[in-house]
Amino acid sequence: LVQAGGSLRLSCAASGSFFRINVLGWYRQYPGKERELVADITRGGSTY
């Protein structure tokens, strides 16, 4: 919980066995709405 104008930092860590992680993204979902893309980043660092 934060006031308008404030800041937060979200983190996500992947664990388990896999070959490689390609695109990583953050989505958000409002109540009663479909999940929507907020930002993503490629393995090389290109962002949307």
All heavy atoms as atom14 arrays in JSON, in Angstrom:
{
  "sequence": "LVQAGGSLRLSCAASGSFFRINVLGWYRQYPGKERELVADITRGGSTY",
  "atom14_mask": [
    [1, 1, 1, 1, 1, 1, 1, 1, 0, 0, 0, 0, 0, 0],
    [1, 1, 1, 1, 1, 1, 1, 0, 0, 0, 0, 0, 0, 0],
    [1, 1, 1, 1, 1, 1, 1, 1, 1, 0, 0, 0, 0, 0],
    [1, 1, 1, 1, 1, 0, 0, 0, 0, 0, 0, 0, 0, 0],
    [1, 1, 1, 1, 0, 0, 0, 0, 0, 0, 0, 0, 0, 0],
    [1, 1, 1, 1, 0, 0, 0, 0, 0, 0, 0, 0, 0, 0],
    [1, 1, 1, 1, 1, 1, 0, 0, 0, 0, 0, 0, 0, 0],
    [1, 1, 1, 1, 1, 1, 1, 1, 0, 0, 0, 0, 0, 0],
    [1, 1, 1, 1, 1, 1, 1, 1, 1, 1, 1, 0, 0, 0],
    [1, 1, 1, 1, 1, 1, 1, 1, 0, 0, 0, 0, 0, 0],
    [1, 1, 1, 1, 1, 1, 0, 0, 0, 0, 0, 0, 0, 0],
    [1, 1, 1, 1, 1, 1, 0, 0, 0, 0, 0, 0, 0, 0],
    [1, 1, 1, 1, 1, 0, 0, 0, 0, 0, 0, 0, 0, 0],
    [1, 1, 1, 1, 1, 0, 0, 0, 0, 0, 0, 0, 0, 0],
    [1, 1, 1, 1, 1, 1, 0, 0, 0, 0, 0, 0, 0, 0],
    [1, 1, 1, 1, 0, 0, 0, 0, 0, 0, 0, 0, 0, 0],
    [1, 1, 1, 1, 1, 1, 0, 0, 0, 0, 0, 0, 0, 0],
    [1, 1, 1, 1, 1, 1, 1, 1, 1, 1, 1, 0, 0, 0],
    [1, 1, 1, 1, 1, 1, 1, 1, 1, 1, 1, 0, 0, 0],
    [1, 1, 1, 1, 1, 1, 1, 1, 1, 1, 1, 0, 0, 0],
    [1, 1, 1, 1, 1, 1, 1, 1, 0, 0, 0, 0, 0, 0],
    [1, 1, 1, 1, 1, 1, 1, 1, 0, 0, 0, 0, 0, 0],
    [1, 1, 1, 1, 1, 1, 1, 0, 0, 0, 0, 0, 0, 0],
    [1, 1, 1, 1, 1, 1, 1, 1, 0, 0, 0, 0, 0, 0],
    [1, 1, 1, 1, 0, 0, 0, 0, 0, 0, 0, 0, 0, 0],
    [1, 1, 1, 1, 1, 1, 1, 1, 1, 1, 1, 1, 1, 1],
    [1, 1, 1, 1, 1, 1, 1, 1, 1, 1, 1, 1, 0, 0],
    [1, 1, 1, 1, 1, 1, 1, 1, 1, 1, 1, 0, 0, 0],
    [1, 1, 1, 1, 1, 1, 1, 1, 1, 0, 0, 0, 0, 0],
    [1, 1, 1, 1, 1, 1, 1, 1, 1, 1, 1, 1, 0, 0],
    [1, 1, 1, 1, 1, 1, 1, 0, 0, 0, 0, 0, 0, 0],
    [1, 1, 1, 1, 0, 0, 0, 0, 0, 0, 0, 0, 0, 0],
    [1, 1, 1, 1, 1, 1, 1, 1, 1, 0, 0, 0, 0, 0],
    [1, 1, 1, 1, 1, 1, 1, 1, 1, 0, 0, 0, 0, 0],
    [1, 1, 1, 1, 1, 1, 1, 1, 1, 1, 1, 0, 0, 0],
    [1, 1, 1, 1, 1, 1, 1, 1, 1, 0, 0, 0, 0, 0],
    [1, 1, 1, 1, 1, 1, 1, 1, 0, 0, 0, 0, 0, 0],
    [1, 1, 1, 1, 1, 1, 1, 0, 0, 0, 0, 0, 0, 0],
    [1, 1, 1, 1, 1, 0, 0, 0, 0, 0, 0, 0, 0, 0],
    [1, 1, 1, 1, 1, 1, 1, 1, 0, 0, 0, 0, 0, 0],
    [1, 1, 1, 1, 1, 1, 1, 1, 0, 0, 0, 0, 0, 0],
    [1, 1, 1, 1, 1, 1, 1, 0, 0, 0, 0, 0, 0, 0],
    [1, 1, 1, 1, 1, 1, 1, 1, 1, 1, 1, 0, 0, 0],
    [1, 1, 1, 1, 0, 0, 0, 0, 0, 0, 0, 0, 0, 0],
    [1, 1, 1, 1, 0, 0, 0, 0, 0, 0, 0, 0, 0, 0],
    [1, 1, 1, 1, 1, 1, 0, 0, 0, 0, 0, 0, 0, 0],
    [1, 1, 1, 1, 1, 1, 1, 0, 0, 0, 0, 0, 0, 0],
    [1, 1, 1, 1, 1, 1, 1, 1, 1, 1, 1, 1, 0, 0]
  ],
  "atom14_positions": [
    [[0.84, -1.19, 0.0], [0.0, 0.0, 0.0], [0.88, 1.24, 0.0], [1.8, 1.36, 0.81], [-0.91, 0.0, 1.23], [-1.77, 1.23, 1.47], [-2.78, 1.4, 0.35], [-2.47, 1.11, 2.81], [0.0, 0.0, 0.0], [0.0, 0.0, 0.0], [0.0, 0.0, 0.0], [0.0, 0.0, 0.0], [0.0, 0.0, 0.0], [0.0, 0.0, 0.0]],
    [[0.57, 2.17, -0.9], [1.36, 3.39, -1.01], [0.44, 4.53, -1.42], [-0.58, 4.32, -2.07], [2.51, 3.21, -2.03], [1.96, 3.01, -3.43], [3.47, 4.38, -1.99], [0.0, 0.0, 0.0], [0.0, 0.0, 0.0], [0.0, 0.0, 0.0], [0.0, 0.0, 0.0], [0.0, 0.0, 0.0], [0.0, 0.0, 0.0], [0.0, 0.0, 0.0]],
    [[0.8, 5.75, -1.02], [0.05, 6.93, -1.42], [0.38, 7.33, -2.84], [1.45, 7.02, -3.36], [0.33, 8.1, -0.48], [-0.26, 7.96, 0.91], [-0.08, 9.22, 1.73], [0.94, 9.89, 1.65], [-1.09, 9.55, 2.52], [0.0, 0.0, 0.0], [0.0, 0.0, 0.0], [0.0, 0.0, 0.0], [0.0, 0.0, 0.0], [0.0, 0.0, 0.0]],
    [[-0.55, 8.02, -3.49], [-0.3, 8.53, -4.82], [0.98, 9.36, -4.84], [1.22, 10.17, -3.94], [-1.48, 9.37, -5.3], [0.0, 0.0, 0.0], [0.0, 0.0, 0.0], [0.0, 0.0, 0.0], [0.0, 0.0, 0.0], [0.0, 0.0, 0.0], [0.0, 0.0, 0.0], [0.0, 0.0, 0.0], [0.0, 0.0, 0.0], [0.0, 0.0, 0.0]],
    [[1.79, 9.15, -5.87], [3.07, 9.82, -5.98], [4.22, 9.03, -5.41], [5.39, 9.38, -5.63], [0.0, 0.0, 0.0], [0.0, 0.0, 0.0], [0.0, 0.0, 0.0], [0.0, 0.0, 0.0], [0.0, 0.0, 0.0], [0.0, 0.0, 0.0], [0.0, 0.0, 0.0], [0.0, 0.0, 0.0], [0.0, 0.0, 0.0], [0.0, 0.0, 0.0]],
    [[3.93, 7.96, -4.69], [4.96, 7.14, -4.09], [5.52, 6.11, -5.05], [5.16, 6.06, -6.22], [0.0, 0.0, 0.0], [0.0, 0.0, 0.0], [0.0, 0.0, 0.0], [0.0, 0.0, 0.0], [0.0, 0.0, 0.0], [0.0, 0.0, 0.0], [0.0, 0.0, 0.0], [0.0, 0.0, 0.0], [0.0, 0.0, 0.0], [0.0, 0.0, 0.0]],
    [[6.39, 5.25, -4.52], [7.08, 4.26, -5.33], [7.04, 2.88, -4.69], [6.97, 2.74, -3.47], [8.55, 4.65, -5.53], [8.68, 5.88, -6.21], [0.0, 0.0, 0.0], [0.0, 0.0, 0.0], [0.0, 0.0, 0.0], [0.0, 0.0, 0.0], [0.0, 0.0, 0.0], [0.0, 0.0, 0.0], [0.0, 0.0, 0.0], [0.0, 0.0, 0.0]],
    [[7.08, 1.87, -5.53], [7.22, 0.48, -5.12], [8.13, -0.23, -6.11], [8.2, 0.16, -7.27], [5.87, -0.24, -5.06], [4.91, 0.08, -3.92], [3.57, -0.61, -4.18], [5.49, -0.37, -2.59], [0.0, 0.0, 0.0], [0.0, 0.0, 0.0], [0.0, 0.0, 0.0], [0.0, 0.0, 0.0], [0.0, 0.0, 0.0], [0.0, 0.0, 0.0]],
    [[8.78, -1.27, -5.64], [9.62, -2.1, -6.5], [9.17, -3.55, -6.38], [9.25, -4.13, -5.29], [11.09, -1.96, -6.12], [12.05, -2.79, -6.97], [13.5, -2.5, -6.58], [14.45, -3.33, -7.3], [14.91, -4.51, -6.88], [14.46, -5.01, -5.73], [15.78, -5.17, -7.59], [0.0, 0.0, 0.0], [0.0, 0.0, 0.0], [0.0, 0.0, 0.0]],
    [[8.72, -4.12, -7.49], [8.31, -5.51, -7.53], [9.47, -6.38, -8.02], [10.23, -5.96, -8.9], [7.12, -5.71, -8.46], [5.88, -4.85, -8.21], [4.78, -5.22, -9.2], [5.4, -4.99, -6.78], [0.0, 0.0, 0.0], [0.0, 0.0, 0.0], [0.0, 0.0, 0.0], [0.0, 0.0, 0.0], [0.0, 0.0, 0.0], [0.0, 0.0, 0.0]],
    [[9.57, -7.57, -7.47], [10.61, -8.51, -7.88], [9.98, -9.87, -8.15], [8.97, -10.23, -7.54], [11.68, -8.64, -6.8], [12.36, -7.42, -6.59], [0.0, 0.0, 0.0], [0.0, 0.0, 0.0], [0.0, 0.0, 0.0], [0.0, 0.0, 0.0], [0.0, 0.0, 0.0], [0.0, 0.0, 0.0], [0.0, 0.0, 0.0], [0.0, 0.0, 0.0]],
    [[10.6, -10.62, -9.05], [10.13, -11.95, -9.39], [11.34, -12.83, -9.65], [12.22, -12.46, -10.43], [9.24, -11.89, -10.64], [8.7, -13.5, -11.27], [0.0, 0.0, 0.0], [0.0, 0.0, 0.0], [0.0, 0.0, 0.0], [0.0, 0.0, 0.0], [0.0, 0.0, 0.0], [0.0, 0.0, 0.0], [0.0, 0.0, 0.0], [0.0, 0.0, 0.0]],
    [[11.37, -13.98, -9.0], [12.47, -14.91, -9.15], [11.97, -16.25, -9.69], [10.99, -16.8, -9.18], [13.18, -15.12, -7.82], [0.0, 0.0, 0.0], [0.0, 0.0, 0.0], [0.0, 0.0, 0.0], [0.0, 0.0, 0.0], [0.0, 0.0, 0.0], [0.0, 0.0, 0.0], [0.0, 0.0, 0.0], [0.0, 0.0, 0.0], [0.0, 0.0, 0.0]],
    [[12.64, -16.76, -10.71], [12.31, -18.06, -11.29], [13.22, -19.14, -10.71], [14.42, -18.94, -10.56], [12.45, -18.02, -12.8], [0.0, 0.0, 0.0], [0.0, 0.0, 0.0], [0.0, 0.0, 0.0], [0.0, 0.0, 0.0], [0.0, 0.0, 0.0], [0.0, 0.0, 0.0], [0.0, 0.0, 0.0], [0.0, 0.0, 0.0], [0.0, 0.0, 0.0]],
    [[12.62, -20.27, -10.4], [13.39, -21.4, -9.9], [12.92, -22.69, -10.57], [11.82, -22.75, -11.11], [13.28, -21.52, -8.38], [11.94, -21.75, -7.99], [0.0, 0.0, 0.0], [0.0, 0.0, 0.0], [0.0, 0.0, 0.0], [0.0, 0.0, 0.0], [0.0, 0.0, 0.0], [0.0, 0.0, 0.0], [0.0, 0.0, 0.0], [0.0, 0.0, 0.0]],
    [[13.75, -23.72, -10.5], [13.45, -24.99, -11.12], [14.46, -25.33, -12.19], [15.5, -24.68, -12.31], [0.0, 0.0, 0.0], [0.0, 0.0, 0.0], [0.0, 0.0, 0.0], [0.0, 0.0, 0.0], [0.0, 0.0, 0.0], [0.0, 0.0, 0.0], [0.0, 0.0, 0.0], [0.0, 0.0, 0.0], [0.0, 0.0, 0.0], [0.0, 0.0, 0.0]],
    [[14.14, -26.34, -12.98], [15.03, -26.78, -14.05], [14.46, -26.36, -15.4], [13.31, -26.66, -15.72], [15.2, -28.3, -14.0], [15.84, -28.69, -12.8], [0.0, 0.0, 0.0], [0.0, 0.0, 0.0], [0.0, 0.0, 0.0], [0.0, 0.0, 0.0], [0.0, 0.0, 0.0], [0.0, 0.0, 0.0], [0.0, 0.0, 0.0], [0.0, 0.0, 0.0]],
    [[15.27, -25.69, -16.2], [14.87, -25.27, -17.52], [16.11, -24.94, -18.33], [17.2, -24.76, -17.79], [13.92, -24.06, -17.47], [14.38, -22.97, -16.54], [15.31, -22.03, -16.95], [13.88, -22.89, -15.25], [15.74, -21.03, -16.1], [14.3, -21.88, -14.38], [15.23, -20.95, -14.81], [0.0, 0.0, 0.0], [0.0, 0.0, 0.0], [0.0, 0.0, 0.0]],
    [[15.92, -24.83, -19.64], [17.04, -24.55, -20.52], [17.39, -23.06, -20.55], [18.55, -22.69, -20.38], [16.74, -25.05, -21.93], [17.82, -24.75, -22.93], [19.05, -25.38, -22.84], [17.62, -23.84, -23.95], [20.06, -25.11, -23.76], [18.61, -23.57, -24.88], [19.83, -24.2, -24.78], [0.0, 0.0, 0.0], [0.0, 0.0, 0.0], [0.0, 0.0, 0.0]],
    [[16.37, -22.22, -20.74], [16.61, -20.78, -20.84], [15.31, -20.02, -20.65], [14.24, -20.5, -20.99], [17.22, -20.43, -22.2], [17.7, -19.0, -22.31], [18.44, -18.77, -23.61], [17.55, -18.77, -24.76], [17.92, -18.55, -26.0], [19.22, -18.32, -26.27], [17.04, -18.57, -26.99], [0.0, 0.0, 0.0], [0.0, 0.0, 0.0], [0.0, 0.0, 0.0]],
    [[15.42, -18.82, -20.11], [14.3, -17.9, -20.0], [14.42, -16.85, -21.1], [15.45, -16.18, -21.2], [14.25, -17.2, -18.63], [14.21, -18.23, -17.5], [13.06, -16.25, -18.56], [14.27, -17.61, -16.12], [0.0, 0.0, 0.0], [0.0, 0.0, 0.0], [0.0, 0.0, 0.0], [0.0, 0.0, 0.0], [0.0, 0.0, 0.0], [0.0, 0.0, 0.0]],
    [[13.39, -16.73, -21.91], [13.39, -15.7, -22.94], [12.72, -14.43, -22.41], [13.22, -13.83, -21.47], [12.76, -16.22, -24.22], [13.7, -17.17, -24.96], [14.91, -17.14, -24.79], [13.14, -18.04, -25.81], [0.0, 0.0, 0.0], [0.0, 0.0, 0.0], [0.0, 0.0, 0.0], [0.0, 0.0, 0.0], [0.0, 0.0, 0.0], [0.0, 0.0, 0.0]],
    [[11.59, -14.03, -22.98], [10.95, -12.79, -22.56], [10.37, -12.91, -21.15], [9.74, -13.92, -20.81], [9.85, -12.37, -23.55], [9.13, -11.12, -23.05], [10.45, -12.1, -24.92], [0.0, 0.0, 0.0], [0.0, 0.0, 0.0], [0.0, 0.0, 0.0], [0.0, 0.0, 0.0], [0.0, 0.0, 0.0], [0.0, 0.0, 0.0], [0.0, 0.0, 0.0]],
    [[10.57, -11.88, -20.35], [9.96, -11.75, -19.03], [9.04, -10.53, -19.05], [9.41, -9.5, -19.61], [11.01, -11.58, -17.95], [11.82, -12.82, -17.59], [13.09, -12.43, -16.86], [10.97, -13.76, -16.72], [0.0, 0.0, 0.0], [0.0, 0.0, 0.0], [0.0, 0.0, 0.0], [0.0, 0.0, 0.0], [0.0, 0.0, 0.0], [0.0, 0.0, 0.0]],
    [[7.89, -10.65, -18.42], [6.95, -9.55, -18.44], [6.21, -9.37, -17.13], [6.14, -10.28, -16.31], [0.0, 0.0, 0.0], [0.0, 0.0, 0.0], [0.0, 0.0, 0.0], [0.0, 0.0, 0.0], [0.0, 0.0, 0.0], [0.0, 0.0, 0.0], [0.0, 0.0, 0.0], [0.0, 0.0, 0.0], [0.0, 0.0, 0.0], [0.0, 0.0, 0.0]],
    [[5.67, -8.17, -16.96], [4.79, -7.86, -15.85], [3.41, -7.52, -16.4], [3.29, -6.7, -17.32], [5.3, -6.69, -15.01], [6.46, -7.05, -14.14], [7.78, -6.85, -14.39], [6.39, -7.68, -12.86], [8.54, -7.3, -13.35], [7.72, -7.82, -12.4], [5.34, -8.13, -12.06], [8.02, -8.4, -11.16], [5.65, -8.71, -10.83], [6.98, -8.84, -10.4]],
    [[2.4, -8.15, -15.85], [1.01, -7.9, -16.2], [0.27, -7.4, -14.97], [0.72, -7.6, -13.84], [0.34, -9.17, -16.71], [0.82, -9.66, -18.05], [2.09, -10.21, -18.2], [0.0, -9.61, -19.17], [2.54, -10.67, -19.43], [0.43, -10.08, -20.4], [1.7, -10.6, -20.52], [2.13, -11.07, -21.74], [0.0, 0.0, 0.0], [0.0, 0.0, 0.0]],
    [[-0.87, -6.77, -15.19], [-1.72, -6.42, -14.07], [-3.17, -6.71, -14.41], [-3.55, -6.76, -15.58], [-1.55, -4.96, -13.65], [-1.99, -3.92, -14.67], [-1.61, -2.54, -14.17], [-1.94, -1.49, -15.13], [-1.55, -0.23, -15.02], [-0.79, 0.15, -13.99], [-1.91, 0.66, -15.93], [0.0, 0.0, 0.0], [0.0, 0.0, 0.0], [0.0, 0.0, 0.0]],
    [[-3.98, -6.91, -13.39], [-5.36, -7.27, -13.57], [-6.24, -6.5, -12.59], [-6.04, -6.58, -11.38], [-5.55, -8.77, -13.38], [-6.92, -9.29, -13.75], [-6.96, -10.81, -13.84], [-6.12, -11.5, -13.26], [-7.91, -11.33, -14.57], [0.0, 0.0, 0.0], [0.0, 0.0, 0.0], [0.0, 0.0, 0.0], [0.0, 0.0, 0.0], [0.0, 0.0, 0.0]],
    [[-7.2, -5.75, -13.13], [-8.19, -5.07, -12.32], [-9.34, -6.02, -12.03], [-9.59, -6.95, -12.81], [-8.72, -3.82, -13.03], [-7.67, -2.82, -13.42], [-7.4, -2.55, -14.76], [-6.96, -2.11, -12.47], [-6.46, -1.62, -15.14], [-6.0, -1.18, -12.83], [-5.76, -0.93, -14.16], [-4.81, 0.0, -14.53], [0.0, 0.0, 0.0], [0.0, 0.0, 0.0]],
    [[-10.08, -5.81, -10.96], [-11.23, -6.67, -10.68], [-12.21, -6.69, -11.84], [-12.61, -5.65, -12.36], [-11.85, -6.04, -9.44], [-10.71, -5.34, -8.77], [-9.87, -4.81, -9.89], [0.0, 0.0, 0.0], [0.0, 0.0, 0.0], [0.0, 0.0, 0.0], [0.0, 0.0, 0.0], [0.0, 0.0, 0.0], [0.0, 0.0, 0.0], [0.0, 0.0, 0.0]],
    [[-12.6, -7.88, -12.26], [-13.56, -8.04, -13.33], [-13.02, -7.79, -14.72], [-13.8, -7.81, -15.68], [0.0, 0.0, 0.0], [0.0, 0.0, 0.0], [0.0, 0.0, 0.0], [0.0, 0.0, 0.0], [0.0, 0.0, 0.0], [0.0, 0.0, 0.0], [0.0, 0.0, 0.0], [0.0, 0.0, 0.0], [0.0, 0.0, 0.0], [0.0, 0.0, 0.0]],
    [[-11.72, -7.54, -14.85], [-11.12, -7.26, -16.15], [-10.1, -8.33, -16.52], [-9.64, -9.09, -15.67], [-10.44, -5.89, -16.15], [-11.37, -4.73, -15.86], [-12.38, -4.55, -16.97], [-13.24, -3.31, -16.74], [-14.23, -3.11, -17.83], [0.0, 0.0, 0.0], [0.0, 0.0, 0.0], [0.0, 0.0, 0.0], [0.0, 0.0, 0.0], [0.0, 0.0, 0.0]],
    [[-9.77, -8.38, -17.81], [-8.74, -9.3, -18.27], [-7.35, -8.79, -17.92], [-7.13, -7.6, -17.79], [-8.85, -9.51, -19.78], [-10.13, -10.19, -20.22], [-10.15, -10.48, -21.71], [-9.13, -10.24, -22.39], [-11.18, -10.97, -22.19], [0.0, 0.0, 0.0], [0.0, 0.0, 0.0], [0.0, 0.0, 0.0], [0.0, 0.0, 0.0], [0.0, 0.0, 0.0]],
    [[-6.44, -9.72, -17.75], [-5.06, -9.38, -17.47], [-4.45, -8.63, -18.65], [-4.65, -9.0, -19.8], [-4.28, -10.66, -17.17], [-3.02, -10.48, -16.39], [-2.52, -11.84, -15.88], [-3.46, -12.43, -14.93], [-3.28, -13.6, -14.33], [-2.19, -14.32, -14.59], [-4.18, -14.05, -13.48], [0.0, 0.0, 0.0], [0.0, 0.0, 0.0], [0.0, 0.0, 0.0]],
    [[-3.68, -7.56, -18.35], [-3.09, -6.75, -19.4], [-1.59, -6.58, -19.19], [-1.11, -6.53, -18.07], [-3.77, -5.38, -19.47], [-3.59, -4.53, -18.22], [-4.32, -3.2, -18.32], [-5.46, -3.18, -18.83], [-3.76, -2.17, -17.88], [0.0, 0.0, 0.0], [0.0, 0.0, 0.0], [0.0, 0.0, 0.0], [0.0, 0.0, 0.0], [0.0, 0.0, 0.0]],
    [[-0.88, -6.45, -20.3], [0.57, -6.3, -20.26], [0.96, -4.9, -19.82], [0.47, -3.91, -20.35], [1.16, -6.59, -21.63], [2.68, -6.43, -21.78], [3.42, -7.43, -20.9], [3.09, -6.6, -23.24], [0.0, 0.0, 0.0], [0.0, 0.0, 0.0], [0.0, 0.0, 0.0], [0.0, 0.0, 0.0], [0.0, 0.0, 0.0], [0.0, 0.0, 0.0]],
    [[1.86, -4.83, -18.85], [2.39, -3.56, -18.36], [3.75, -3.27, -18.99], [4.0, -2.17, -19.49], [2.51, -3.57, -16.83], [3.18, -2.3, -16.32], [1.14, -3.75, -16.19], [0.0, 0.0, 0.0], [0.0, 0.0, 0.0], [0.0, 0.0, 0.0], [0.0, 0.0, 0.0], [0.0, 0.0, 0.0], [0.0, 0.0, 0.0], [0.0, 0.0, 0.0]],
    [[4.64, -4.24, -18.95], [5.98, -4.09, -19.5], [6.6, -5.46, -19.72], [6.25, -6.41, -19.02], [6.87, -3.27, -18.57], [0.0, 0.0, 0.0], [0.0, 0.0, 0.0], [0.0, 0.0, 0.0], [0.0, 0.0, 0.0], [0.0, 0.0, 0.0], [0.0, 0.0, 0.0], [0.0, 0.0, 0.0], [0.0, 0.0, 0.0], [0.0, 0.0, 0.0]],
    [[7.49, -5.57, -20.68], [8.26, -6.79, -20.82], [9.68, -6.47, -21.27], [9.99, -5.34, -21.65], [7.58, -7.83, -21.73], [7.43, -7.41, -23.18], [8.22, -6.56, -23.66], [6.53, -7.95, -23.86], [0.0, 0.0, 0.0], [0.0, 0.0, 0.0], [0.0, 0.0, 0.0], [0.0, 0.0, 0.0], [0.0, 0.0, 0.0], [0.0, 0.0, 0.0]],
    [[10.53, -7.48, -21.19], [11.94, -7.29, -21.5], [12.51, -8.57, -22.08], [12.25, -9.66, -21.58], [12.72, -6.84, -20.24], [14.19, -6.57, -20.56], [12.57, -7.86, -19.11], [14.93, -5.86, -19.42], [0.0, 0.0, 0.0], [0.0, 0.0, 0.0], [0.0, 0.0, 0.0], [0.0, 0.0, 0.0], [0.0, 0.0, 0.0], [0.0, 0.0, 0.0]],
    [[13.26, -8.44, -23.16], [13.89, -9.6, -23.78], [15.16, -9.98, -23.03], [15.64, -9.24, -22.17], [14.24, -9.33, -25.25], [15.29, -8.37, -25.32], [13.03, -8.82, -26.02], [0.0, 0.0, 0.0], [0.0, 0.0, 0.0], [0.0, 0.0, 0.0], [0.0, 0.0, 0.0], [0.0, 0.0, 0.0], [0.0, 0.0, 0.0], [0.0, 0.0, 0.0]],
    [[15.71, -11.12, -23.39], [16.93, -11.57, -22.76], [18.08, -10.58, -23.01], [18.95, -10.41, -22.15], [17.31, -12.95, -23.28], [18.47, -13.58, -22.55], [18.67, -15.03, -22.94], [19.79, -15.62, -22.22], [19.7, -16.13, -20.99], [18.53, -16.13, -20.36], [20.77, -16.64, -20.4], [0.0, 0.0, 0.0], [0.0, 0.0, 0.0], [0.0, 0.0, 0.0]],
    [[18.06, -9.92, -24.16], [19.09, -8.95, -24.49], [18.85, -7.57, -23.94], [19.7, -6.69, -24.1], [0.0, 0.0, 0.0], [0.0, 0.0, 0.0], [0.0, 0.0, 0.0], [0.0, 0.0, 0.0], [0.0, 0.0, 0.0], [0.0, 0.0, 0.0], [0.0, 0.0, 0.0], [0.0, 0.0, 0.0], [0.0, 0.0, 0.0], [0.0, 0.0, 0.0]],
    [[17.69, -7.33, -23.3], [17.44, -6.07, -22.64], [16.52, -5.11, -23.37], [16.32, -3.98, -22.89], [0.0, 0.0, 0.0], [0.0, 0.0, 0.0], [0.0, 0.0, 0.0], [0.0, 0.0, 0.0], [0.0, 0.0, 0.0], [0.0, 0.0, 0.0], [0.0, 0.0, 0.0], [0.0, 0.0, 0.0], [0.0, 0.0, 0.0], [0.0, 0.0, 0.0]],
    [[15.94, -5.5, -24.5], [14.97, -4.64, -25.18], [13.67, -4.62, -24.39], [13.21, -5.65, -23.92], [14.71, -5.13, -26.59], [15.89, -5.07, -27.37], [0.0, 0.0, 0.0], [0.0, 0.0, 0.0], [0.0, 0.0, 0.0], [0.0, 0.0, 0.0], [0.0, 0.0, 0.0], [0.0, 0.0, 0.0], [0.0, 0.0, 0.0], [0.0, 0.0, 0.0]],
    [[13.07, -3.43, -24.26], [11.9, -3.27, -23.4], [10.69, -2.75, -24.14], [10.8, -2.1, -25.18], [12.2, -2.32, -22.23], [12.61, -1.04, -22.75], [13.31, -2.87, -21.35], [0.0, 0.0, 0.0], [0.0, 0.0, 0.0], [0.0, 0.0, 0.0], [0.0, 0.0, 0.0], [0.0, 0.0, 0.0], [0.0, 0.0, 0.0], [0.0, 0.0, 0.0]],
    [[9.54, -3.05, -23.58], [8.26, -2.52, -24.03], [7.48, -2.04, -22.82], [7.51, -2.69, -21.76], [7.44, -3.59, -24.75], [5.98, -3.22, -24.9], [5.54, -2.44, -25.95], [5.04, -3.63, -23.95], [4.21, -2.07, -26.07], [3.72, -3.27, -24.05], [3.31, -2.49, -25.12], [1.99, -2.12, -25.22], [0.0, 0.0, 0.0], [0.0, 0.0, 0.0]]
  ]
}
